[in-house]
Amino acid sequence: MMPLEPMTRTSPGGAPAVWRSESGGDGWTRLAKGLPKKHGYFTVLRDAMDIDELGAPALYFGTTTGQLWIGREGGEEWECLFSNLPPIHCVKVAVV
């Protein structure tokens, strides 16, 4: 992100991804299977992503356009759970 260059804030080609490091930041893996391949211009706020560590690990993130996504198996494959919600500002996983 570069504040004076607005296009650097979007995902390249409109193809969003989540990036994972298993080496303390020395190397990164792009996780995008199931996410839009183009025209996926949405915003995920800082508090709108969380991890469910019970069972098979899952990641969740919400967008300011009202989509809630789940990344099963640690984000290996993504699915949109809901797409018509109000803007999502915070996602927290809880055991009920």
Protein backbone atom coordinates (compact mmCIF):
# COMPACT_ATOMS: atom_id res chain seq x y z
CA MET A 1 0.00 0.00 0.00
CA MET A 2 1.19 3.44 -0.92
CA PRO A 3 -1.05 6.31 0.26
CA LEU A 4 -0.37 8.54 -2.76
CA GLU A 5 -0.88 5.76 -5.32
CA PRO A 6 -4.45 4.45 -4.90
CA MET A 7 -4.13 1.54 -7.33
CA THR A 8 -1.53 -0.13 -5.10
CA ARG A 9 -4.30 -0.77 -2.57
CA THR A 10 -6.18 -3.21 -4.79
CA SER A 11 -5.42 -6.83 -5.49
CA PRO A 12 -3.51 -7.30 -8.75
CA GLY A 13 -5.97 -7.87 -11.58
CA GLY A 14 -8.84 -7.89 -9.09
CA ALA A 15 -7.81 -11.38 -7.92
CA PRO A 16 -7.76 -11.33 -4.09
CA ALA A 17 -5.72 -13.78 -2.03
CA VAL A 18 -4.70 -14.55 1.53
CA TRP A 19 -1.00 -15.05 2.12
CA ARG A 20 0.40 -17.54 4.66
CA SER A 21 3.91 -17.87 6.06
CA GLU A 22 5.08 -20.99 7.84
CA SER A 23 8.65 -19.73 8.16
CA GLY A 24 8.31 -16.60 10.26
CA GLY A 25 7.94 -14.43 7.17
CA ASP A 26 10.90 -15.78 5.16
CA GLY A 27 8.58 -17.34 2.56
CA TRP A 28 4.92 -16.86 1.66
CA THR A 29 2.22 -19.03 0.05
CA ARG A 30 -0.68 -17.50 -1.90
CA LEU A 31 -4.05 -19.00 -0.88
CA ALA A 32 -6.75 -18.15 -3.42
CA LYS A 33 -8.57 -21.34 -4.49
CA GLY A 34 -12.29 -20.47 -4.52
CA LEU A 35 -11.78 -16.69 -4.29
CA PRO A 36 -12.77 -14.53 -7.29
CA LYS A 37 -10.29 -14.83 -10.17
CA LYS A 38 -11.17 -11.33 -11.43
CA HIS A 39 -13.24 -8.31 -10.41
CA GLY A 40 -12.82 -9.21 -6.72
CA TYR A 41 -12.36 -5.66 -5.52
CA PHE A 42 -13.41 -5.77 -1.88
CA THR A 43 -11.98 -4.45 1.36
CA VAL A 44 -11.18 -6.52 4.45
CA LEU A 45 -10.68 -4.42 7.57
CA ARG A 46 -8.02 -5.22 10.16
CA ASP A 47 -10.47 -6.78 12.66
CA ALA A 48 -12.51 -8.61 10.02
CA MET A 49 -10.39 -11.79 9.94
CA ASP A 50 -10.13 -14.55 12.52
CA ILE A 51 -8.97 -18.16 12.93
CA ASP A 52 -10.94 -21.16 14.19
CA GLU A 53 -8.35 -23.53 15.63
CA LEU A 54 -10.78 -26.29 16.69
CA GLY A 55 -10.82 -29.43 14.56
CA ALA A 56 -9.59 -28.71 11.05
CA PRO A 57 -8.22 -25.16 11.11
CA ALA A 58 -10.35 -22.59 9.31
CA LEU A 59 -9.96 -18.90 8.54
CA TYR A 60 -12.82 -16.44 8.24
CA PHE A 61 -12.92 -12.95 6.80
CA GLY A 62 -15.67 -10.44 6.15
CA THR A 63 -15.73 -7.68 3.56
CA THR A 64 -17.08 -4.16 3.62
CA THR A 65 -19.41 -5.24 0.78
CA GLY A 66 -21.12 -7.79 3.06
CA GLN A 67 -19.47 -11.08 2.14
CA LEU A 68 -18.39 -13.64 4.75
CA TRP A 69 -15.76 -16.11 3.53
CA ILE A 70 -14.40 -19.33 5.07
CA GLY A 71 -11.03 -20.83 4.20
CA ARG A 72 -11.10 -24.49 5.17
CA GLU A 73 -7.97 -26.54 5.91
CA GLY A 74 -6.09 -23.43 6.96
CA GLY A 75 -7.19 -21.40 3.95
CA GLU A 76 -6.38 -23.94 1.25
CA GLU A 77 -9.88 -23.61 -0.27
CA TRP A 78 -12.26 -20.65 0.09
CA GLU A 79 -16.05 -20.49 0.00
CA CYS A 80 -18.37 -17.51 0.34
CA LEU A 81 -20.83 -18.35 3.14
CA PHE A 82 -22.95 -15.18 2.85
CA SER A 83 -22.92 -12.43 0.25
CA ASN A 84 -25.75 -10.02 1.12
CA LEU A 85 -24.88 -8.91 4.64
CA PRO A 86 -24.33 -5.32 5.78
CA PRO A 87 -20.69 -4.16 5.77
CA ILE A 88 -18.62 -6.43 8.02
CA HIS A 89 -16.24 -4.57 10.30
CA CYS A 90 -15.28 -7.35 12.73
CA VAL A 91 -15.16 -11.17 12.68
CA LYS A 92 -14.61 -13.15 15.89
CA VAL A 93 -14.76 -16.94 16.20
CA ALA A 94 -16.30 -18.30 19.41
CA VAL A 95 -17.19 -21.70 20.84
CA VAL A 96 -20.86 -21.85 21.82
